[in-house]
């Protein structure tokens, strides 16, 4: 059951477009295609962030700080990524939006 009417990439305007561009360039999502389903609709947490870009941008920045400057070990951080991906049904990326700890060295 959908709680929000899906946004389509082509329907984004103004600050929504800017926030999408910024999020696709962030270390949280190096592959912007992960934000969209096969119908071109926004999916995952970005669905909410794009609805109100003035709140979405600082939340995206906070997520980046927590993920990459936080106190969690690489293994614990990756476990959180996998749990969130499983919750959102992220079958395309295997839950990864950044290189795994093993790939980083």
Protein backbone atom coordinates (compact mmCIF):
# COMPACT_ATOMS: atom_id res chain seq x y z
CA UNK A 1 0.00 0.00 0.00
CA UNK A 2 1.43 3.37 -1.04
CA UNK A 3 1.28 6.17 1.49
CA UNK A 4 2.49 8.84 -0.92
CA UNK A 5 1.73 9.31 -4.59
CA UNK A 6 4.93 8.30 -6.39
CA UNK A 7 7.12 11.09 -7.75
CA UNK A 8 8.56 10.59 -11.19
CA UNK A 9 12.03 11.84 -12.09
CA UNK A 10 10.57 13.90 -14.94
CA UNK A 11 8.15 15.65 -12.55
CA UNK A 12 10.80 17.07 -10.22
CA UNK A 13 11.05 20.87 -10.15
CA UNK A 14 13.38 23.50 -8.73
CA UNK A 15 14.84 22.50 -5.37
CA UNK A 16 13.69 18.90 -5.85
CA UNK A 17 15.92 18.63 -8.91
CA UNK A 18 18.83 20.22 -7.01
CA UNK A 19 18.39 17.84 -4.07
CA UNK A 20 18.25 14.82 -6.40
CA UNK A 21 21.45 15.96 -8.10
CA UNK A 22 23.19 16.49 -4.76
CA UNK A 23 22.06 13.12 -3.42
CA UNK A 24 23.23 11.30 -6.53
CA UNK A 25 26.68 12.87 -6.08
CA UNK A 26 26.95 12.04 -2.38
CA UNK A 27 28.94 9.09 -1.06
CA UNK A 28 25.62 7.67 0.16
CA UNK A 29 24.56 6.92 -3.38
CA UNK A 30 27.30 6.87 -5.97
CA UNK A 31 24.90 5.21 -8.43
CA UNK A 32 21.85 7.45 -8.84
CA UNK A 33 19.81 4.73 -10.56
CA UNK A 34 19.28 3.19 -7.13
CA UNK A 35 16.80 5.98 -6.37
CA UNK A 36 14.36 4.91 -9.09
CA UNK A 37 12.26 1.84 -9.79
CA UNK A 38 11.69 0.39 -13.26
CA UNK A 39 8.77 2.82 -13.79
CA UNK A 40 10.98 5.85 -13.17
CA UNK A 41 9.40 6.52 -9.78
CA UNK A 42 11.37 7.67 -6.75
CA UNK A 43 11.83 4.93 -4.16
CA UNK A 44 13.27 4.58 -0.69
CA UNK A 45 13.94 7.43 1.73
CA UNK A 46 14.48 9.89 -1.12
CA UNK A 47 10.71 9.73 -1.68
CA UNK A 48 10.21 11.70 1.53
CA UNK A 49 13.27 13.93 1.25
CA UNK A 50 12.23 15.25 -2.16
CA UNK A 51 8.77 16.21 -0.89
CA UNK A 52 10.32 18.99 1.20
CA UNK A 53 13.82 19.82 -0.04
CA UNK A 54 14.42 22.43 2.70
CA UNK A 55 14.30 19.55 5.20
CA UNK A 56 15.58 16.89 2.84
CA UNK A 57 18.96 18.49 2.17
CA UNK A 58 20.04 18.76 5.84
CA UNK A 59 18.76 15.23 6.50
CA UNK A 60 20.79 13.92 3.56
CA UNK A 61 23.86 15.71 4.92
CA UNK A 62 23.23 14.28 8.40
CA UNK A 63 22.96 10.77 6.94
CA UNK A 64 26.32 11.24 5.22
CA UNK A 65 27.98 12.38 8.45
CA UNK A 66 26.47 9.55 10.48
CA UNK A 67 27.43 6.92 7.93
CA UNK A 68 30.94 8.04 7.08
CA UNK A 69 32.06 9.97 10.17
CA UNK A 70 30.24 7.99 12.83
CA UNK A 71 31.55 5.70 15.52
CA UNK A 72 30.35 2.40 14.03
CA UNK A 73 32.90 -0.09 12.79
CA UNK A 74 32.83 -0.91 9.08
CA UNK A 75 31.10 -4.23 9.81
CA UNK A 76 28.41 -2.68 12.01
CA UNK A 77 27.83 0.11 9.49
CA UNK A 78 27.43 -2.40 6.67
CA UNK A 79 24.97 -4.42 8.79
CA UNK A 80 22.85 -1.28 9.23
CA UNK A 81 22.95 -0.67 5.47
CA UNK A 82 21.75 -4.21 4.82
CA UNK A 83 18.91 -3.95 7.35
CA UNK A 84 17.71 -0.67 5.84
CA UNK A 85 17.99 -2.10 2.32
CA UNK A 86 15.99 -5.17 3.35
CA UNK A 87 13.31 -2.94 4.88
CA UNK A 88 12.99 -0.92 1.67
CA UNK A 89 13.11 -4.06 -0.51
CA UNK A 90 16.34 -3.05 -2.23
CA UNK A 91 17.02 -6.04 -4.44
CA UNK A 92 18.98 -4.12 -7.11
CA UNK A 93 21.99 -3.06 -5.06
CA UNK A 94 22.19 -5.90 -2.58
CA UNK A 95 21.92 -3.14 -0.02
CA UNK A 96 25.15 -1.52 -1.03
CA UNK A 97 25.29 2.15 -1.98
CA UNK A 98 29.03 2.39 -1.37
CA UNK A 99 31.97 0.02 -1.57
CA UNK A 100 31.96 -2.70 1.06
CA UNK A 101 34.61 -2.61 3.77
CA UNK A 102 36.40 -5.47 2.01
CA UNK A 103 36.45 -3.54 -1.29
CA UNK A 104 37.82 -0.43 0.44
CA UNK A 105 40.74 -2.44 1.82
